[in-house]
Amino acid sequence: MMLRIKEITIFREQQETQHNPCFILLSLLPNLSIYSFLLLTPQSPFNLLRFFLPLLGKFGFKFRCFSSKTCTHIAVNNHSMYWLNRLWFGSTTRATENMDSSIAQGPDDDRPASLQQLAQFGAGCFWSVELAFQRLPGVTKTEVGYSQGLLHNPTYADVCSGTTRHSEVVRVHYDPKECSYESLLDAFWARHDPTSPNRQGNDVGTQYRSGIYYYTPEQEKAARESLEQQQKKLNRKIVTEILPAKKFYIAEEYHQQYLEKGGRFGFKQSSSKGCNDPIRCYG
């Protein structure tokens, strides 16, 4: 089994199906509308939870069982899984094996196409942030991935463990003749709450921190001036970090253009230039 913060992808071996596995539906708060799932089998490390379900119910947990024959890919609530990870129910990571900060903390040395420039932004879950940038005229390509961390070649599960210090970022390729860097900054500020440290909505964790990661001195100057202007509009202190762009690790393919492709619920959202349709964060 492989656990992820936003999704659980379950790999079932034949012997597991012979032992009647079940999905346990957990909600850390009674009013949550999206739940977290764990796969339990007799050999599962989570199997002890079977004995604690009555106790969990007293603390506001909700649970139901599903046949393993009916589900193999299930949506998960970010906030619930964040705390499950903190309680050691989340996925294990390769952090101790692959922690090479000299590589991960190096500069992003990828090069854009001719006459293009790069920009990097972290503003919470990268799914909706990417769609906002996709819609901007002059943006020619977007990629979601991980940066600013200590682990070389991180996976989504690694980043969601909260131990690698990566941020979920969108790397934007843009034509400066058609899209100014200031336009990208405007979209960045409009897409999230820059006063919320390590959290956007129900997404909690250091990977959701607000950040502008610059490639040139001109980008840095524009970012700092933009932050000053934004601060004048807000009563709370902006916590956005402004740092040099570091090595960019592209995220798994299913994350790329996630909402455009249909997201969690299969409803495609337009990435057409200039589109103003409301963005549904998870699809």
C-alpha atoms as a PDB file:
ATOM      1  CA  MET A   1       0.000   0.000   0.000  1.00  0.00           C
ATOM      2  CA  MET A   2       1.200   3.492  -0.815  1.00  0.00           C
ATOM      3  CA  LEU A   3      -0.354   6.399   1.073  1.00  0.00           C
ATOM      4  CA  ARG A   4      -0.439   9.932  -0.253  1.00  0.00           C
ATOM      5  CA  ILE A   5      -1.831  13.059   1.339  1.00  0.00           C
ATOM      6  CA  LYS A   6      -4.447  13.771  -1.325  1.00  0.00           C
ATOM      7  CA  GLU A   7      -4.953  10.269  -2.616  1.00  0.00           C
ATOM      8  CA  ILE A   8      -4.432   6.673  -1.654  1.00  0.00           C
ATOM      9  CA  THR A   9      -3.278   4.349  -4.379  1.00  0.00           C
ATOM     10  CA  ILE A  10      -3.721   0.796  -3.166  1.00  0.00           C
ATOM     11  CA  PHE A  11      -1.693  -2.103  -4.505  1.00  0.00           C
ATOM     12  CA  ARG A  12      -3.423  -5.308  -3.523  1.00  0.00           C
ATOM     13  CA  GLU A  13      -1.706  -8.657  -3.556  1.00  0.00           C
ATOM     14  CA  GLN A  14      -3.763 -11.738  -4.240  1.00  0.00           C
ATOM     15  CA  GLN A  15      -3.194 -13.118  -0.757  1.00  0.00           C
ATOM     16  CA  GLU A  16      -4.636  -9.953   0.752  1.00  0.00           C
ATOM     17  CA  THR A  17      -7.955 -10.363  -1.040  1.00  0.00           C
ATOM     18  CA  GLN A  18      -8.208 -13.861   0.401  1.00  0.00           C
ATOM     19  CA  HIS A  19      -8.106 -12.384   3.895  1.00  0.00           C
ATOM     20  CA  ASN A  20     -11.061 -10.049   3.428  1.00  0.00           C
ATOM     21  CA  PRO A  21      -9.394  -6.634   3.570  1.00  0.00           C
ATOM     22  CA  CYS A  22     -11.560  -3.610   4.178  1.00  0.00           C
ATOM     23  CA  PHE A  23     -11.291   0.137   3.874  1.00  0.00           C
ATOM     24  CA  ILE A  24     -11.731   2.077   7.080  1.00  0.00           C
ATOM     25  CA  LEU A  25     -13.205   5.531   6.564  1.00  0.00           C
ATOM     26  CA  LEU A  26     -11.867   8.031   9.086  1.00  0.00           C
ATOM     27  CA  SER A  27     -12.681  11.647   9.705  1.00  0.00           C
ATOM     28  CA  LEU A  28     -10.699  13.544  12.328  1.00  0.00           C
ATOM     29  CA  LEU A  29     -13.522  16.043  12.755  1.00  0.00           C
ATOM     30  CA  PRO A  30     -17.236  15.188  12.706  1.00  0.00           C
ATOM     31  CA  ASN A  31     -18.112  17.974  10.245  1.00  0.00           C
ATOM     32  CA  LEU A  32     -15.607  17.085   7.526  1.00  0.00           C
ATOM     33  CA  SER A  33     -17.291  16.192   4.248  1.00  0.00           C
ATOM     34  CA  ILE A  34     -14.264  14.400   2.783  1.00  0.00           C
ATOM     35  CA  TYR A  35     -12.760  11.488   4.600  1.00  0.00           C
ATOM     36  CA  SER A  36      -9.529   9.560   4.904  1.00  0.00           C
ATOM     37  CA  PHE A  37      -9.209   5.862   4.142  1.00  0.00           C
ATOM     38  CA  LEU A  38      -6.889   3.167   5.379  1.00  0.00           C
ATOM     39  CA  LEU A  39      -6.642  -0.331   3.943  1.00  0.00           C
ATOM     40  CA  LEU A  40      -6.719  -2.968   6.681  1.00  0.00           C
ATOM     41  CA  THR A  41      -5.782  -6.599   6.208  1.00  0.00           C
ATOM     42  CA  PRO A  42      -4.821  -9.232   8.773  1.00  0.00           C
ATOM     43  CA  GLN A  43      -1.170  -8.599   7.855  1.00  0.00           C
ATOM     44  CA  SER A  44      -1.550  -4.826   7.695  1.00  0.00           C
ATOM     45  CA  PRO A  45       0.482  -2.647  10.091  1.00  0.00           C
ATOM     46  CA  PHE A  46      -2.765  -0.729  10.643  1.00  0.00           C
ATOM     47  CA  ASN A  47      -4.662  -3.846  11.663  1.00  0.00           C
ATOM     48  CA  LEU A  48      -4.510  -2.925  15.351  1.00  0.00           C
ATOM     49  CA  LEU A  49      -6.885  -0.079  14.558  1.00  0.00           C
ATOM     50  CA  ARG A  50      -9.639  -2.691  14.308  1.00  0.00           C
ATOM     51  CA  PHE A  51      -9.488  -3.048  18.069  1.00  0.00           C
ATOM     52  CA  PHE A  52      -9.598   0.694  18.695  1.00  0.00           C
ATOM     53  CA  LEU A  53     -12.551   1.628  16.489  1.00  0.00           C
ATOM     54  CA  PRO A  54     -15.033   1.823  19.380  1.00  0.00           C
ATOM     55  CA  LEU A  55     -12.640   4.134  21.221  1.00  0.00           C
ATOM     56  CA  LEU A  56     -12.063   6.266  18.114  1.00  0.00           C
ATOM     57  CA  GLY A  57     -15.793   6.802  17.832  1.00  0.00           C
ATOM     58  CA  LYS A  58     -15.836   8.482  21.230  1.00  0.00           C
ATOM     59  CA  PHE A  59     -13.299  11.034  19.997  1.00  0.00           C
ATOM     60  CA  GLY A  60     -15.329  12.143  16.992  1.00  0.00           C
ATOM     61  CA  PHE A  61     -14.061   9.663  14.404  1.00  0.00           C
ATOM     62  CA  LYS A  62     -16.512   8.293  11.867  1.00  0.00           C
ATOM     63  CA  PHE A  63     -15.995   4.996  10.150  1.00  0.00           C
ATOM     64  CA  ARG A  64     -17.551   2.661   7.597  1.00  0.00           C
ATOM     65  CA  CYS A  65     -16.284  -0.421   5.840  1.00  0.00           C
ATOM     66  CA  PHE A  66     -16.113  -1.007   2.098  1.00  0.00           C
ATOM     67  CA  SER A  67     -15.468  -4.175   0.168  1.00  0.00           C
ATOM     68  CA  SER A  68     -12.030  -4.237  -1.443  1.00  0.00           C
ATOM     69  CA  LYS A  69     -13.746  -5.324  -4.663  1.00  0.00           C
ATOM     70  CA  THR A  70     -15.516  -2.003  -5.070  1.00  0.00           C
ATOM     71  CA  CYS A  71     -12.650   0.503  -4.619  1.00  0.00           C
ATOM     72  CA  THR A  72      -8.975   0.614  -5.514  1.00  0.00           C
ATOM     73  CA  HIS A  73      -8.373   4.374  -5.790  1.00  0.00           C
ATOM     74  CA  ILE A  74      -9.868   6.653  -3.169  1.00  0.00           C
ATOM     75  CA  ALA A  75      -9.837  10.372  -2.374  1.00  0.00           C
ATOM     76  CA  VAL A  76      -8.321  11.450   0.909  1.00  0.00           C
ATOM     77  CA  ASN A  77      -8.724  14.596   2.960  1.00  0.00           C
ATOM     78  CA  ASN A  78      -5.436  16.503   3.246  1.00  0.00           C
ATOM     79  CA  HIS A  79      -5.947  17.716   6.808  1.00  0.00           C
ATOM     80  CA  SER A  80      -6.840  14.269   8.126  1.00  0.00           C
ATOM     81  CA  MET A  81      -3.893  12.601   6.415  1.00  0.00           C
ATOM     82  CA  TYR A  82      -1.542  15.296   7.672  1.00  0.00           C
ATOM     83  CA  TRP A  83      -2.368  14.354  11.253  1.00  0.00           C
ATOM     84  CA  LEU A  84      -2.316  10.651  10.480  1.00  0.00           C
ATOM     85  CA  ASN A  85       1.207  11.139   9.139  1.00  0.00           C
ATOM     86  CA  ARG A  86       2.134  12.955  12.336  1.00  0.00           C
ATOM     87  CA  LEU A  87       0.792   9.977  14.294  1.00  0.00           C
ATOM     88  CA  TRP A  88       2.973   7.617  12.190  1.00  0.00           C
ATOM     89  CA  PHE A  89       0.036   6.209  10.220  1.00  0.00           C
ATOM     90  CA  GLY A  90       1.238   7.828   6.995  1.00  0.00           C
ATOM     91  CA  SER A  91       3.652   6.557   4.403  1.00  0.00           C
ATOM     92  CA  THR A  92       7.268   5.807   5.046  1.00  0.00           C
ATOM     93  CA  THR A  93       9.814   7.838   3.082  1.00  0.00           C
ATOM     94  CA  ARG A  94      13.283   7.576   1.655  1.00  0.00           C
ATOM     95  CA  ALA A  95      14.383  10.706   3.506  1.00  0.00           C
ATOM     96  CA  THR A  96      17.165   9.040   5.463  1.00  0.00           C
ATOM     97  CA  GLU A  97      18.447   7.246   2.346  1.00  0.00           C
ATOM     98  CA  ASN A  98      18.512  10.132  -0.116  1.00  0.00           C
ATOM     99  CA  MET A  99      19.023  13.280   1.949  1.00  0.00           C
ATOM    100  CA  ASP A 100      21.619  15.053  -0.184  1.00  0.00           C
ATOM    101  CA  SER A 101      21.050  18.752   0.373  1.00  0.00           C
ATOM    102  CA  SER A 102      24.036  19.723  -1.768  1.00  0.00           C
ATOM    103  CA  ILE A 103      22.040  18.653  -4.833  1.00  0.00           C
ATOM    104  CA  ALA A 104      18.544  19.605  -3.709  1.00  0.00           C
ATOM    105  CA  GLN A 105      19.676  23.014  -2.501  1.00  0.00           C
ATOM    106  CA  GLY A 106      21.513  23.776  -5.724  1.00  0.00           C
ATOM    107  CA  PRO A 107      20.139  26.237  -8.301  1.00  0.00           C
ATOM    108  CA  ASP A 108      17.538  25.302 -10.865  1.00  0.00           C
ATOM    109  CA  ASP A 109      19.801  24.986 -13.891  1.00  0.00           C
ATOM    110  CA  ASP A 110      17.092  23.934 -16.351  1.00  0.00           C
ATOM    111  CA  ARG A 111      16.814  26.228 -19.326  1.00  0.00           C
ATOM    112  CA  PRO A 112      13.585  27.478 -20.917  1.00  0.00           C
ATOM    113  CA  ALA A 113      12.953  27.560 -24.651  1.00  0.00           C
ATOM    114  CA  SER A 114      14.433  30.397 -26.681  1.00  0.00           C
ATOM    115  CA  LEU A 115      13.062  33.842 -25.734  1.00  0.00           C
ATOM    116  CA  GLN A 116      11.205  32.320 -22.756  1.00  0.00           C
ATOM    117  CA  GLN A 117      11.771  32.893 -19.043  1.00  0.00           C
ATOM    118  CA  LEU A 118      11.099  30.826 -15.927  1.00  0.00           C
ATOM    119  CA  ALA A 119       9.327  31.688 -12.672  1.00  0.00           C
ATOM    120  CA  GLN A 120       8.536  29.583  -9.607  1.00  0.00           C
ATOM    121  CA  PHE A 121       5.739  30.030  -7.082  1.00  0.00           C
ATOM    122  CA  GLY A 122       4.443  28.156  -4.047  1.00  0.00           C
ATOM    123  CA  ALA A 123       0.900  29.002  -2.983  1.00  0.00           C
ATOM    124  CA  GLY A 124      -0.606  25.910  -1.402  1.00  0.00           C
ATOM    125  CA  CYS A 125      -1.719  22.827  -3.293  1.00  0.00           C
ATOM    126  CA  PHE A 126      -0.154  23.116  -6.728  1.00  0.00           C
ATOM    127  CA  TRP A 127      -3.191  21.780  -8.603  1.00  0.00           C
ATOM    128  CA  SER A 128      -5.277  24.945  -8.495  1.00  0.00           C
ATOM    129  CA  VAL A 129      -2.272  27.271  -8.620  1.00  0.00           C
ATOM    130  CA  GLU A 130      -1.137  25.674 -11.860  1.00  0.00           C
ATOM    131  CA  LEU A 131      -4.545  26.165 -13.485  1.00  0.00           C
ATOM    132  CA  ALA A 132      -4.514  29.857 -12.560  1.00  0.00           C
ATOM    133  CA  PHE A 133      -1.184  30.292 -14.348  1.00  0.00           C
ATOM    134  CA  GLN A 134      -2.254  28.153 -17.308  1.00  0.00           C
ATOM    135  CA  ARG A 135      -5.002  30.673 -18.009  1.00  0.00           C
ATOM    136  CA  LEU A 136      -2.661  33.653 -18.237  1.00  0.00           C
ATOM    137  CA  PRO A 137      -1.941  34.945 -21.754  1.00  0.00           C
ATOM    138  CA  GLY A 138       1.758  34.693 -22.467  1.00  0.00           C
ATOM    139  CA  VAL A 139       2.281  31.620 -20.288  1.00  0.00           C
ATOM    140  CA  THR A 140       3.487  28.907 -22.644  1.00  0.00           C
ATOM    141  CA  LYS A 141       3.983  25.981 -20.251  1.00  0.00           C
ATOM    142  CA  THR A 142       3.433  25.049 -16.614  1.00  0.00           C
ATOM    143  CA  GLU A 143       4.855  22.230 -14.510  1.00  0.00           C
ATOM    144  CA  VAL A 144       4.129  21.271 -10.927  1.00  0.00           C
ATOM    145  CA  GLY A 145       6.831  19.872  -8.699  1.00  0.00           C
ATOM    146  CA  TYR A 146       8.887  20.132  -5.553  1.00  0.00           C
ATOM    147  CA  SER A 147      11.635  22.571  -4.623  1.00  0.00           C
ATOM    148  CA  GLN A 148      13.430  24.249  -1.702  1.00  0.00           C
ATOM    149  CA  GLY A 149      13.884  20.942   0.128  1.00  0.00           C
ATOM    150  CA  LEU A 150      16.755  18.739   1.299  1.00  0.00           C
ATOM    151  CA  LEU A 151      15.926  15.435  -0.376  1.00  0.00           C
ATOM    152  CA  HIS A 152      17.250  14.553  -3.829  1.00  0.00           C
ATOM    153  CA  ASN A 153      14.605  13.138  -6.202  1.00  0.00           C
ATOM    154  CA  PRO A 154      11.688  13.319  -3.752  1.00  0.00           C
ATOM    155  CA  THR A 155       8.380  11.583  -4.357  1.00  0.00           C
ATOM    156  CA  TYR A 156       4.989  13.004  -3.458  1.00  0.00           C
ATOM    157  CA  ALA A 157       4.858  10.719  -0.433  1.00  0.00           C
ATOM    158  CA  ASP A 158       8.265  11.982   0.701  1.00  0.00           C
ATOM    159  CA  VAL A 159       7.172  15.603   0.466  1.00  0.00           C
ATOM    160  CA  CYS A 160       3.889  14.943   2.251  1.00  0.00           C
ATOM    161  CA  SER A 161       5.717  13.322   5.155  1.00  0.00           C
ATOM    162  CA  GLY A 162       6.727  16.808   6.284  1.00  0.00           C
ATOM    163  CA  THR A 163      10.371  15.819   6.747  1.00  0.00           C
ATOM    164  CA  THR A 164      12.003  16.950   3.481  1.00  0.00           C
ATOM    165  CA  ARG A 165      11.251  20.719   3.683  1.00  0.00           C
ATOM    166  CA  HIS A 166      10.096  20.833   0.088  1.00  0.00           C
ATOM    167  CA  SER A 167       7.425  23.199  -1.132  1.00  0.00           C
ATOM    168  CA  GLU A 168       4.795  22.315  -3.705  1.00  0.00           C
ATOM    169  CA  VAL A 169       5.580  24.745  -6.514  1.00  0.00           C
ATOM    170  CA  VAL A 170       4.488  25.644 -10.012  1.00  0.00           C
ATOM    171  CA  ARG A 171       7.230  26.374 -12.510  1.00  0.00           C
ATOM    172  CA  VAL A 172       5.975  28.778 -15.146  1.00  0.00           C
ATOM    173  CA  HIS A 173       7.439  29.210 -18.630  1.00  0.00           C
ATOM    174  CA  TYR A 174       6.401  32.542 -20.070  1.00  0.00           C
ATOM    175  CA  ASP A 175       7.081  34.928 -22.928  1.00  0.00           C
ATOM    176  CA  PRO A 176       8.067  38.268 -21.341  1.00  0.00           C
ATOM    177  CA  LYS A 177       6.882  40.102 -24.446  1.00  0.00           C
ATOM    178  CA  GLU A 178       3.338  38.864 -23.846  1.00  0.00           C
ATOM    179  CA  CYS A 179       3.278  38.355 -20.079  1.00  0.00           C
ATOM    180  CA  SER A 180       5.178  40.492 -17.597  1.00  0.00           C
ATOM    181  CA  TYR A 181       6.603  39.079 -14.397  1.00  0.00           C
ATOM    182  CA  GLU A 182       4.339  41.526 -12.572  1.00  0.00           C
ATOM    183  CA  SER A 183       1.323  39.808 -14.141  1.00  0.00           C
ATOM    184  CA  LEU A 184       2.526  36.506 -12.718  1.00  0.00           C
ATOM    185  CA  LEU A 185       2.894  38.115  -9.307  1.00  0.00           C
ATOM    186  CA  ASP A 186      -0.662  39.463  -9.501  1.00  0.00           C
ATOM    187  CA  ALA A 187      -1.971  35.960 -10.226  1.00  0.00           C
ATOM    188  CA  PHE A 188       0.107  34.564  -7.382  1.00  0.00           C
ATOM    189  CA  TRP A 189      -1.279  36.972  -4.779  1.00  0.00           C
ATOM    190  CA  ALA A 190      -4.843  36.509  -6.017  1.00  0.00           C
ATOM    191  CA  ARG A 191      -4.712  32.722  -5.789  1.00  0.00           C
ATOM    192  CA  HIS A 192      -3.968  32.242  -2.075  1.00  0.00           C
ATOM    193  CA  ASP A 193      -3.785  33.731   1.416  1.00  0.00           C
ATOM    194  CA  PRO A 194      -0.173  34.885   1.869  1.00  0.00           C
ATOM    195  CA  THR A 195      -0.717  35.536   5.599  1.00  0.00           C
ATOM    196  CA  SER A 196      -1.368  31.878   6.438  1.00  0.00           C
ATOM    197  CA  PRO A 197       1.833  30.059   7.445  1.00  0.00           C
ATOM    198  CA  ASN A 198       2.126  26.486   6.182  1.00  0.00           C
ATOM    199  CA  ARG A 199      -1.550  26.243   5.371  1.00  0.00           C
ATOM    200  CA  GLN A 200      -4.068  26.998   2.645  1.00  0.00           C
ATOM    201  CA  GLY A 201      -7.617  26.035   3.561  1.00  0.00           C
ATOM    202  CA  ASN A 202      -7.676  22.406   4.676  1.00  0.00           C
ATOM    203  CA  ASP A 203      -4.191  21.771   3.261  1.00  0.00           C
ATOM    204  CA  VAL A 204      -1.790  21.822   6.208  1.00  0.00           C
ATOM    205  CA  GLY A 205       1.968  21.333   6.147  1.00  0.00           C
ATOM    206  CA  THR A 206       5.221  23.080   5.315  1.00  0.00           C
ATOM    207  CA  GLN A 207       4.875  21.984   1.676  1.00  0.00           C
ATOM    208  CA  TYR A 208       1.938  24.415   1.378  1.00  0.00           C
ATOM    209  CA  ARG A 209       3.877  27.504   2.429  1.00  0.00           C
ATOM    210  CA  SER A 210       3.731  30.711   0.426  1.00  0.00           C
ATOM    211  CA  GLY A 211       6.829  31.450  -1.612  1.00  0.00           C
ATOM    212  CA  ILE A 212       8.230  33.351  -4.568  1.00  0.00           C
ATOM    213  CA  TYR A 213      11.401  31.806  -5.962  1.00  0.00           C
ATOM    214  CA  TYR A 214      13.300  34.080  -8.305  1.00  0.00           C
ATOM    215  CA  TYR A 215      15.719  33.353 -11.152  1.00  0.00           C
ATOM    216  CA  THR A 216      17.162  36.818 -11.689  1.00  0.00           C
ATOM    217  CA  PRO A 217      17.914  39.951  -9.648  1.00  0.00           C
ATOM    218  CA  GLU A 218      15.143  41.691 -11.587  1.00  0.00           C
ATOM    219  CA  GLN A 219      12.618  39.072 -10.458  1.00  0.00           C
ATOM    220  CA  GLU A 220      13.788  39.406  -6.866  1.00  0.00           C
ATOM    221  CA  LYS A 221      13.392  43.191  -6.958  1.00  0.00           C
ATOM    222  CA  ALA A 222       9.923  42.957  -8.487  1.00  0.00           C
ATOM    223  CA  ALA A 223       8.866  40.304  -5.940  1.00  0.00           C
ATOM    224  CA  ARG A 224       9.954  42.382  -2.940  1.00  0.00           C
ATOM    225  CA  GLU A 225       8.313  45.529  -4.259  1.00  0.00           C
ATOM    226  CA  SER A 226       5.133  43.582  -4.965  1.00  0.00           C
ATOM    227  CA  LEU A 227       5.117  42.151  -1.444  1.00  0.00           C
ATOM    228  CA  GLU A 228       5.413  45.643   0.012  1.00  0.00           C
ATOM    229  CA  GLN A 229       2.439  46.792  -2.035  1.00  0.00           C
ATOM    230  CA  GLN A 230       0.370  43.779  -1.011  1.00  0.00           C
ATOM    231  CA  GLN A 231       1.198  44.304   2.658  1.00  0.00           C
ATOM    232  CA  LYS A 232      -0.382  47.757   2.517  1.00  0.00           C
ATOM    233  CA  LYS A 233      -3.683  46.123   1.541  1.00  0.00           C
ATOM    234  CA  LEU A 234      -3.732  43.588   4.366  1.00  0.00           C
ATOM    235  CA  ASN A 235      -4.133  43.809   8.133  1.00  0.00           C
ATOM    236  CA  ARG A 236      -2.171  40.621   8.827  1.00  0.00           C
ATOM    237  CA  LYS A 237       1.526  40.137   8.192  1.00  0.00           C
ATOM    238  CA  ILE A 238       2.464  38.424   4.937  1.00  0.00           C
ATOM    239  CA  VAL A 239       4.575  35.312   5.545  1.00  0.00           C
ATOM    240  CA  THR A 240       5.591  34.713   1.916  1.00  0.00           C
ATOM    241  CA  GLU A 241       9.232  33.724   1.578  1.00  0.00           C
ATOM    242  CA  ILE A 242      11.269  35.213  -1.284  1.00  0.00           C
ATOM    243  CA  LEU A 243      14.259  33.039  -2.130  1.00  0.00           C
ATOM    244  CA  PRO A 244      16.417  32.044  -5.097  1.00  0.00           C
ATOM    245  CA  ALA A 245      14.890  29.309  -7.256  1.00  0.00           C
ATOM    246  CA  LYS A 246      16.466  25.988  -6.319  1.00  0.00           C
ATOM    247  CA  LYS A 247      16.535  22.623  -8.028  1.00  0.00           C
ATOM    248  CA  PHE A 248      13.125  21.761  -9.399  1.00  0.00           C
ATOM    249  CA  TYR A 249      11.924  18.166  -9.194  1.00  0.00           C
ATOM    250  CA  ILE A 250       8.974  17.616 -11.485  1.00  0.00           C
ATOM    251  CA  ALA A 251       6.060  15.887  -9.759  1.00  0.00           C
ATOM    252  CA  GLU A 252       4.531  12.600 -10.823  1.00  0.00           C
ATOM    253  CA  GLU A 253       2.704  12.693 -14.160  1.00  0.00           C
ATOM    254  CA  TYR A 254      -0.792  12.404 -12.687  1.00  0.00           C
ATOM    255  CA  HIS A 255      -0.245  15.737 -10.906  1.00  0.00           C
ATOM    256  CA  GLN A 256       0.505  17.601 -14.129  1.00  0.00           C
ATOM    257  CA  GLN A 257      -2.423  19.748 -15.370  1.00  0.00           C
ATOM    258  CA  TYR A 258      -4.495  17.818 -12.842  1.00  0.00           C
ATOM    259  CA  LEU A 259      -7.588  20.021 -12.851  1.00  0.00           C
ATOM    260  CA  GLU A 260      -7.563  20.520 -16.612  1.00  0.00           C
ATOM    261  CA  LYS A 261      -7.666  16.724 -16.987  1.00  0.00           C
ATOM    262  CA  GLY A 262     -10.628  16.373 -14.622  1.00  0.00           C
ATOM    263  CA  GLY A 263      -9.213  16.320 -11.119  1.00  0.00           C
ATOM    264  CA  ARG A 264     -10.537  14.115  -8.378  1.00  0.00           C
ATOM    265  CA  PHE A 265     -14.128  13.978  -9.604  1.00  0.00           C
ATOM    266  CA  GLY A 266     -13.589  13.835 -13.353  1.00  0.00           C
ATOM    267  CA  PHE A 267     -14.984  17.280 -14.192  1.00  0.00           C
ATOM    268  CA  LYS A 268     -12.530  19.024 -16.507  1.00  0.00           C
ATOM    269  CA  GLN A 269     -11.815  22.701 -15.875  1.00  0.00           C
ATOM    270  CA  SER A 270     -10.908  25.083 -18.657  1.00  0.00           C
ATOM    271  CA  SER A 271      -7.317  26.230 -19.081  1.00  0.00           C
ATOM    272  CA  SER A 272      -8.231  28.586 -21.929  1.00  0.00           C
ATOM    273  CA  LYS A 273      -6.372  31.869 -21.921  1.00  0.00           C
ATOM    274  CA  GLY A 274      -8.334  34.566 -20.123  1.00  0.00           C
ATOM    275  CA  CYS A 275     -10.851  32.114 -18.637  1.00  0.00           C
ATOM    276  CA  ASN A 276     -12.414  33.500 -15.447  1.00  0.00           C
ATOM    277  CA  ASP A 277     -14.383  30.435 -14.356  1.00  0.00           C
ATOM    278  CA  PRO A 278     -14.063  29.756 -10.609  1.00  0.00           C
ATOM    279  CA  ILE A 279     -11.368  27.181  -9.896  1.00  0.00           C
ATOM    280  CA  ARG A 280     -12.475  24.130  -7.906  1.00  0.00           C
ATOM    281  CA  CYS A 281      -9.401  23.222  -5.903  1.00  0.00           C
ATOM    282  CA  TYR A 282      -9.736  19.440  -6.144  1.00  0.00           C
ATOM    283  CA  GLY A 283     -11.842  19.173  -9.272  1.00  0.00           C
END
